[in-house]
Protein backbone atom coordinates (compact mmCIF):
# COMPACT_ATOMS: atom_id res chain seq x y z
CA MET A 1 -0.83 290.98 35.25
CA THR A 2 2.37 289.19 36.25
CA ILE A 3 2.18 286.44 38.86
CA ARG A 4 5.30 285.82 40.95
CA PHE A 5 5.91 284.12 44.28
CA THR A 6 8.58 284.17 46.93
CA THR A 7 10.08 281.18 48.75
CA PRO A 8 12.70 282.55 51.15
CA LEU A 9 11.16 280.89 54.22
CA LEU A 10 10.85 277.52 52.50
CA LEU A 11 14.39 277.69 51.13
CA THR A 12 15.75 278.76 54.50
CA CYS A 13 14.07 275.81 56.21
CA LEU A 14 15.47 273.52 53.54
CA TRP A 15 19.02 274.10 54.69
CA LEU A 16 18.25 273.66 58.39
CA PRO A 17 19.04 270.22 59.86
CA GLY A 18 16.22 268.13 61.20
CA THR A 19 14.71 264.69 61.35
CA LEU A 20 11.58 263.14 59.94
CA VAL A 21 10.00 261.36 62.87
CA ALA A 22 7.59 258.59 62.07
CA GLN A 23 4.37 258.64 64.00
CA GLN A 24 3.86 256.04 66.69
CA ALA A 25 7.43 254.84 66.30
CA ARG A 26 10.03 254.42 69.00
CA GLY A 27 13.01 256.71 68.54
CA LEU A 28 16.34 255.00 69.18
CA THR A 29 19.95 256.07 69.09
CA LEU A 30 22.56 253.87 67.46
CA GLU A 31 23.94 252.72 70.81
CA GLU A 32 20.45 251.80 71.99
CA CYS A 33 19.91 249.77 68.82
CA VAL A 34 23.19 247.92 69.30
CA ALA A 35 22.35 247.16 72.94
CA LEU A 36 18.88 245.86 72.02
CA ALA A 37 20.27 243.69 69.24
CA GLN A 38 22.90 242.19 71.55
CA GLN A 39 20.18 241.47 74.08
CA ASN A 40 17.44 240.09 71.84
CA ASN A 41 18.95 238.67 68.66
CA ALA A 42 18.62 234.90 68.40
CA ARG A 43 22.05 234.49 66.79
CA ILE A 44 23.68 235.82 69.96
CA LYS A 45 21.57 233.60 72.19
CA SER A 46 22.36 230.56 70.05
CA SER A 47 26.10 231.29 70.28
CA GLN A 48 25.83 231.65 74.06
CA TYR A 49 24.11 228.27 74.24
CA GLN A 50 26.94 226.84 72.16
CA ILE A 51 29.42 227.99 74.82
CA GLU A 52 27.37 226.26 77.51
CA PHE A 53 27.21 223.15 75.34
CA SER A 54 31.00 223.10 74.91
CA ARG A 55 31.58 223.53 78.63
CA GLU A 56 29.29 220.65 79.47
CA SER A 57 30.76 218.51 76.70
CA ARG A 58 34.26 218.97 78.12
CA LYS A 59 33.17 217.21 81.29
CA ALA A 60 32.66 214.07 79.22
CA ALA A 61 36.42 213.90 78.65
CA SER A 62 36.77 212.02 81.96
CA ASP A 63 34.37 209.30 80.82
CA LEU A 64 35.90 205.93 81.74
CA GLY A 65 33.12 203.88 80.26
CA ARG A 66 30.97 201.40 82.13
CA ALA A 67 32.36 199.02 84.71
CA SER A 68 31.58 195.33 84.37
CA ALA A 69 30.35 193.07 87.16
CA THR A 70 30.05 189.30 86.71
CA LEU A 71 28.50 186.90 89.20
CA MET A 72 29.34 183.24 88.84
CA ARG A 73 27.60 180.59 90.97
CA GLY A 74 28.06 176.88 90.69
CA GLN A 75 30.30 173.91 91.28
CA TYR A 76 33.47 175.30 89.80
CA ASN A 77 35.78 174.13 92.62
CA SER A 78 34.16 171.04 94.19
CA LEU A 79 30.81 169.39 94.70
CA TYR A 80 29.87 172.35 96.86
CA THR A 81 28.16 175.38 95.32
CA ASP A 82 30.38 178.45 95.34
CA ASN A 83 30.02 182.12 94.36
CA ASN A 84 32.37 184.39 92.42
CA LEU A 85 31.90 188.11 91.92
CA THR A 86 34.29 189.78 89.51
CA VAL A 87 34.32 193.56 88.94
CA GLY A 88 36.35 195.16 86.14
CA GLN A 89 36.91 198.55 84.57
CA SER A 90 38.51 199.46 81.27
CA ILE A 91 40.30 202.83 81.46
CA PRO A 92 41.54 204.79 78.45
CA PHE A 93 45.25 205.42 78.44
CA PRO A 94 45.93 208.49 80.67
CA THR A 95 47.34 210.43 77.72
CA THR A 96 44.02 210.05 75.92
CA ILE A 97 42.08 211.50 78.85
CA ILE A 98 44.46 214.46 79.08
CA ARG A 99 44.21 215.09 75.33
CA GLN A 100 40.41 214.97 75.48
CA PHE A 101 40.38 217.59 78.23
CA GLN A 102 42.68 219.77 76.13
CA LEU A 103 40.41 219.33 73.10
CA GLY A 104 37.41 220.32 75.20
CA ALA A 105 39.20 223.47 76.37
CA GLU A 106 40.00 224.44 72.78
CA GLN A 107 36.39 223.84 71.74
CA ILE A 108 35.20 226.16 74.52
CA LEU A 109 37.55 228.86 73.26
CA GLY A 110 36.26 228.24 69.75
CA ALA A 111 32.65 228.69 70.89
CA GLU A 112 33.56 231.89 72.75
CA GLN A 113 35.33 233.20 69.67
CA PHE A 114 32.35 232.34 67.49
CA LEU A 115 30.18 234.45 69.80
CA LYS A 116 32.49 237.39 69.06
CA VAL A 117 32.14 236.68 65.33
CA GLN A 118 28.36 236.84 65.65
CA GLN A 119 28.49 239.99 67.79
CA ASN A 120 30.79 241.73 65.30
CA SER A 121 28.57 240.72 62.38
CA LEU A 122 25.39 241.81 64.16
CA VAL A 123 26.80 245.19 65.21
CA TYR A 124 27.94 245.76 61.62
CA GLU A 125 24.47 245.01 60.28
CA VAL A 126 22.80 247.26 62.87
CA ARG A 127 25.19 250.16 62.19
CA SER A 128 24.79 249.80 58.44
CA ALA A 129 20.99 249.62 58.66
CA TYR A 130 20.85 252.57 61.08
CA TYR A 131 22.99 254.86 58.93
CA HIS A 132 21.06 253.82 55.83
CA LEU A 133 17.87 254.83 57.64
CA LEU A 134 19.45 258.17 58.60
CA TYR A 135 20.27 258.74 54.94
CA LEU A 136 16.73 257.94 53.81
CA GLU A 137 15.21 260.23 56.43
CA ALA A 138 17.52 263.08 55.38
CA GLN A 139 16.63 262.39 51.76
CA SER A 140 12.95 262.46 52.73
CA LYS A 141 13.32 265.91 54.25
CA LEU A 142 14.93 267.15 51.05
CA LEU A 143 12.25 265.58 48.86
CA VAL A 144 9.41 267.00 50.95
CA ALA A 145 10.91 270.47 50.56
CA GLN A 146 11.16 269.95 46.80
CA ASP A 147 7.60 268.66 46.69
CA SER A 148 6.27 271.81 48.35
CA LEU A 149 8.31 274.05 46.07
CA TYR A 150 7.32 272.30 42.84
CA GLU A 151 3.67 272.19 43.90
CA ASN A 152 3.82 275.95 44.34
CA PHE A 153 5.46 276.23 40.92
CA PHE A 154 2.68 274.21 39.35
CA ARG A 155 0.00 276.43 40.88
CA VAL A 156 1.78 279.56 39.68
CA ALA A 157 2.28 278.10 36.20
CA SER A 158 -1.41 277.16 36.05
CA ALA A 159 -2.43 280.69 37.06
CA ARG A 160 -0.03 282.21 34.51
CA PHE A 161 -1.45 279.93 31.83
CA ARG A 162 -5.04 280.96 32.64
CA THR A 163 -4.11 284.64 32.36
CA GLY A 164 -2.25 284.04 29.12
CA GLU A 165 1.17 285.00 30.56
CA SER A 166 2.70 281.58 29.84
CA THR A 167 2.34 278.69 27.47
CA LEU A 168 0.88 275.23 27.90
CA LEU A 169 4.43 273.89 27.70
CA GLU A 170 5.40 275.79 30.85
CA ARG A 171 2.37 274.52 32.75
CA THR A 172 2.88 270.93 31.57
CA SER A 173 6.57 271.06 32.48
CA ALA A 174 5.77 272.34 35.97
CA GLU A 175 3.19 269.60 36.48
CA SER A 176 5.61 266.91 35.27
CA GLN A 177 8.30 268.11 37.65
CA TRP A 178 5.89 268.14 40.56
CA LEU A 179 4.51 264.66 39.83
CA GLU A 180 8.04 263.31 39.46
CA ILE A 181 8.98 264.64 42.89
CA LYS A 182 5.77 263.28 44.42
CA ASN A 183 6.64 259.86 43.06
CA GLN A 184 10.14 260.12 44.56
CA VAL A 185 8.57 261.06 47.91
CA ARG A 186 6.37 257.95 47.79
CA VAL A 187 9.26 255.69 46.81
CA ASN A 188 11.46 257.13 49.53
CA ALA A 189 8.68 256.67 52.11
CA SER A 190 8.46 253.00 51.12
CA ASP A 191 12.24 252.70 51.38
CA ILE A 192 12.09 254.17 54.89
CA ALA A 193 9.41 251.67 55.91
CA ILE A 194 11.55 248.83 54.54
CA ALA A 195 14.65 250.13 56.33
CA GLU A 196 12.76 250.53 59.60
CA ASN A 197 11.49 246.97 59.31
CA GLN A 198 15.00 245.70 58.58
CA LEU A 199 16.27 247.44 61.70
CA ARG A 200 13.36 246.10 63.74
CA VAL A 201 14.13 242.54 62.60
CA LEU A 202 17.76 242.94 63.66
CA LEU A 203 16.66 244.23 67.06
CA GLN A 204 13.94 241.53 67.18
CA ILE A 205 11.31 243.78 68.71
CA ASP A 206 7.66 244.11 67.70
CA GLU A 207 7.21 247.87 67.89
CA ARG A 208 8.04 250.28 65.07
CA VAL A 209 11.33 252.13 65.35
CA HIS A 210 12.97 255.14 63.78
CA ALA A 211 16.37 256.75 64.11
CA SER A 212 16.43 259.55 66.67
CA GLU A 213 19.77 260.87 65.43
CA VAL A 214 20.44 263.00 62.36
CA LEU A 215 22.66 262.06 59.45
CA HIS A 216 26.27 262.95 60.22
CA LYS A 217 29.78 262.03 59.18
CA ARG A 218 30.97 259.02 61.16
CA GLN A 219 34.31 259.50 62.85
CA PHE A 220 37.05 257.23 61.57
CA ALA A 221 40.51 256.49 62.93
CA LEU A 222 43.07 255.38 60.34
CA LEU A 223 43.73 251.65 60.70
CA SER A 224 46.98 249.79 60.10
CA ASP A 225 47.47 246.27 58.77
CA THR A 226 47.76 245.02 62.35
CA ALA A 227 44.05 245.77 62.73
CA LEU A 228 43.36 242.52 60.89
CA SER A 229 44.69 240.55 63.85
CA GLN A 230 41.76 241.87 65.88
CA ASN A 231 39.19 240.57 63.42
CA PRO A 232 37.06 238.00 65.31
CA GLU A 233 36.70 235.72 62.30
CA ILE A 234 40.48 235.64 61.80
CA GLN A 235 40.82 234.63 65.44
CA TRP A 236 38.04 232.07 65.03
CA TRP A 237 39.80 230.45 62.08
CA ALA A 238 43.05 230.38 64.06
CA GLN A 239 41.15 228.65 66.86
CA GLN A 240 39.80 226.08 64.40
CA VAL A 241 43.39 225.17 63.60
CA LYS A 242 44.07 224.63 67.32
CA ILE A 243 40.92 222.54 67.66
CA SER A 244 41.94 220.38 64.70
CA ALA A 245 45.44 219.96 66.16
CA ALA A 246 43.98 218.94 69.52
CA SER A 247 41.62 216.49 67.81
CA HIS A 248 44.59 215.01 65.94
CA LYS A 249 46.41 214.46 69.24
CA VAL A 250 43.36 212.72 70.68
CA GLU A 251 43.17 210.28 67.77
CA ARG A 252 46.89 209.57 67.97
CA SER A 253 46.67 208.87 71.69
CA LYS A 254 43.90 206.33 71.09
CA ILE A 255 46.45 204.09 69.41
CA MET A 256 47.79 203.41 72.89
CA PRO A 257 46.24 200.41 74.73
CA ASP A 258 43.46 200.78 77.25
CA LEU A 259 44.16 199.80 80.84
CA MET A 260 42.14 197.10 82.55
CA VAL A 261 41.80 196.88 86.34
CA GLY A 262 39.50 194.78 88.45
CA GLY A 263 39.09 192.52 91.42
CA PHE A 264 37.17 189.50 92.55
CA VAL A 265 35.75 187.94 95.69
CA GLN A 266 34.78 184.30 95.80
CA SER A 267 34.16 181.30 98.00
CA LEU A 268 36.03 178.00 97.75
CA THR A 269 33.95 175.62 99.87
CA GLY A 270 35.72 172.44 100.80
CA VAL A 271 38.75 170.94 102.51
CA GLN A 272 42.11 172.55 101.93
CA ASN A 273 45.44 171.18 103.16
CA ILE A 274 47.15 173.95 105.06
CA ASN A 275 50.65 173.09 106.32
CA GLY A 276 49.81 169.38 106.31
CA ILE A 277 46.52 169.88 108.13
CA ASP A 278 43.19 169.39 106.38
CA THR A 279 41.01 172.39 107.04
CA PHE A 280 37.40 172.85 105.93
CA PHE A 281 36.52 176.24 104.44
CA PRO A 282 32.79 177.06 104.45
CA SER A 283 31.08 179.25 101.83
CA SER A 284 31.18 182.19 104.23
CA ARG A 285 34.96 182.30 103.92
CA LYS A 286 35.86 184.61 101.06
CA PHE A 287 38.95 184.75 98.91
CA THR A 288 39.92 187.97 97.10
CA GLY A 289 42.28 189.09 94.38
CA PHE A 290 42.84 191.76 91.74
CA GLN A 291 43.34 191.95 88.00
CA PHE A 292 45.42 194.25 85.83
CA GLY A 293 45.89 194.11 82.10
CA LEU A 294 46.03 195.89 78.78
CA SER A 295 43.42 196.04 76.04
CA ILE A 296 45.20 196.03 72.70
CA PRO A 297 43.28 196.08 69.40
CA LEU A 298 44.04 193.14 67.17
CA TRP A 299 43.43 195.30 64.09
CA ILE A 300 45.03 198.75 64.57
CA ARG A 301 44.72 200.08 61.03
CA PRO A 302 41.28 201.69 61.54
CA GLN A 303 42.58 203.83 64.42
CA ILE A 304 45.70 204.75 62.47
CA ALA A 305 43.43 205.81 59.60
CA ARG A 306 41.40 207.99 61.98
CA ALA A 307 44.59 209.62 63.24
CA ARG A 308 45.75 210.31 59.69
CA SER A 309 42.33 211.71 58.79
CA ALA A 310 42.58 214.06 61.77
CA ALA A 311 46.01 215.17 60.56
CA ILE A 312 44.54 215.96 57.13
CA GLN A 313 41.71 217.87 58.80
CA GLU A 314 44.32 219.94 60.63
CA LYS A 315 45.92 220.83 57.29
CA ILE A 316 42.51 221.73 55.87
CA ALA A 317 41.81 224.07 58.79
CA SER A 318 45.22 225.70 58.44
CA THR A 319 44.73 226.18 54.68
CA ASN A 320 41.27 227.68 55.19
CA ALA A 321 42.62 230.05 57.84
CA ASN A 322 45.41 231.25 55.55
CA HIS A 323 42.98 231.66 52.65
CA PHE A 324 40.57 233.69 54.76
CA TYR A 325 43.40 235.96 55.92
CA VAL A 326 44.48 236.64 52.33
CA VAL A 327 40.90 237.40 51.27
CA LEU A 328 40.27 239.60 54.30
CA ARG A 329 43.51 241.48 53.76
CA GLY A 330 42.46 242.22 50.18
CA THR A 331 39.02 243.30 51.36
CA PHE A 332 40.65 245.54 53.99
CA GLU A 333 42.91 247.24 51.44
CA GLN A 334 39.97 247.67 49.08
CA GLY A 335 37.96 249.14 51.95
CA LEU A 336 40.69 251.68 52.70
CA GLN A 337 40.74 252.76 49.06
CA GLU A 338 36.95 252.93 48.96
CA THR A 339 36.86 255.05 52.12
CA ALA A 340 39.53 257.42 50.77
CA LYS A 341 37.58 257.78 47.52
CA ASN A 342 34.31 258.48 49.32
CA ASN A 343 36.02 260.91 51.67
CA ALA A 344 37.43 262.86 48.72
CA SER A 345 33.99 262.98 47.12
CA LEU A 346 32.44 264.15 50.38
CA ALA A 347 35.11 266.84 50.76
CA TYR A 348 34.17 268.17 47.32
CA PHE A 349 30.59 268.68 48.42
CA GLU A 350 31.47 270.12 51.83
CA GLU A 351 34.18 272.50 50.61
CA SER A 352 32.61 273.89 47.45
CA ALA A 353 29.57 272.18 45.97
CA LEU A 354 27.15 272.88 48.83
CA VAL A 355 28.22 276.52 48.97
CA ASN A 356 27.73 276.85 45.23
CA ALA A 357 24.36 275.11 45.45
CA ALA A 358 23.13 277.60 48.04
CA LEU A 359 24.47 280.51 46.02
CA LEU A 360 22.93 279.15 42.82
CA LEU A 361 19.54 278.81 44.48
CA ASP A 362 19.67 282.27 46.01
CA GLN A 363 20.74 284.00 42.80
CA ALA A 364 18.22 282.09 40.69
CA MET A 365 15.40 283.06 43.04
CA LYS A 366 16.35 286.74 42.99
CA SER A 367 16.79 286.80 39.22
CA PHE A 368 13.47 285.08 38.64
CA GLN A 369 11.64 287.50 40.93
CA LYS A 370 13.15 290.42 39.04
CA GLY A 371 12.20 288.90 35.71
CA GLU A 372 15.84 288.58 34.62
CA ILE A 373 15.51 284.86 33.83
CA GLU A 374 12.68 282.79 32.44
CA TYR A 375 10.82 279.98 34.14
CA PHE A 376 12.83 277.22 32.48
CA GLU A 377 16.13 278.77 33.52
CA TYR A 378 14.85 279.05 37.07
CA LEU A 379 13.67 275.44 36.99
CA GLN A 380 17.05 274.27 35.73
CA ALA A 381 18.81 276.15 38.52
CA LEU A 382 16.52 274.57 41.11
CA ARG A 383 17.09 271.09 39.77
CA GLN A 384 20.85 271.61 39.77
CA SER A 385 20.82 272.97 43.32
CA PHE A 386 18.67 270.15 44.66
CA GLY A 387 20.76 267.64 42.71
CA ILE A 388 23.91 268.84 44.46
CA ARG A 389 22.19 268.59 47.83
CA SER A 390 20.97 265.08 47.07
CA GLY A 391 24.43 264.12 45.79
CA HIS A 392 25.93 265.30 49.07
CA LEU A 393 23.58 263.07 51.06
CA LEU A 394 24.49 260.11 48.85
CA ALA A 395 28.22 260.81 49.20
CA LEU A 396 27.84 261.07 52.97
CA ASN A 397 25.98 257.76 53.11
CA LEU A 398 28.59 256.01 50.95
CA TYR A 399 31.37 257.34 53.16
CA ASN A 400 29.64 256.25 56.36
CA GLN A 401 28.95 252.78 54.96
CA SER A 402 32.60 252.34 53.94
CA VAL A 403 33.74 253.39 57.43
CA ILE A 404 31.30 250.95 59.05
CA LYS A 405 32.63 248.15 56.85
CA LEU A 406 36.21 248.92 57.88
CA GLU A 407 35.14 248.86 61.52
CA PHE A 408 33.61 245.45 60.88
CA ILE A 409 36.83 244.16 59.33
CA ALA A 410 38.85 245.53 62.25
CA GLY A 411 36.47 243.96 64.76
CA SER A 412 35.49 247.29 66.33
CA PHE A 413 32.26 246.17 67.92
């Protein structure tokens, strides 16, 4: 008695697209994930608070310091007791105030640009995690199909062994293949749980999530070198140079003297000779005046040192910005090459390998059913066919990840 089995329905379902939906999990599209991350992620909120902080800090640029008020009472003019009230205010040189406002404006722009850096980074992480999850779910579908097929093989091999139609080697080989696939299914399920948790952390929500889309090739528009100018971190570094330059101007302006203005009101009780006539002035009669002066530091070297330090800091910021641009440009060129390589690999699978895999599986199944090939030949054909299918999923994931990285470099968030 010869035991055979057919698998056309299973193999047909294998090639149909679909998704593996986790139970009690919230299905989300990529755009929904990005929106949730932008709304909930603490990094974004922190950057938004930083903008508010910079705006409030700029208002401190008009700080004139505390005014002074001095009351003097005593016999400073005659035997009578008199009063003197003097009010004064030290004002930074006007150029310093203007420079501080300009520095505050640059710091606000820097905080706003840093928010874009965080948004671009977060969107990149969400996209990468989402497409990785799509890949794992597609891989899970493929592994589940293999698991069912190899389980069926094992049962057939066991029945053939009991009837004496096959050897122990065939049965043991079938069992080993099945157990290997079952282990891959378990590992992949764990990877999916890890990927879902990673996505949930990025979205900062408590409920379980899964990708509601299916794995697909991400569209990609060819980028030019000018795309680097749109990178938020490039723009942030450029803004740091402007902030350092503005800070340098503030420190230089502080070399200028502070202005001092004030006034006084006092009594001068006693007799005063006015045009040859002695006139008595009581304490209720008040005399007023004003003061104006400059506050010049006796030791100016510390402020000069601060100005020079700010100039060095400006050079540091400029050097860092140039270095980051060079590194990013190299990363961008490497990313273009990586994407082209992955696209060529993906084209191989889409144009020939997948077709050959389907043909190989179909012919192997027919030949095995007719008894034209042995079990081990059939098993080898299955492994090769599934290997091509799995390789296609991997190539598709690598391509998508390289495209997402280029989008991150170009600031396409």
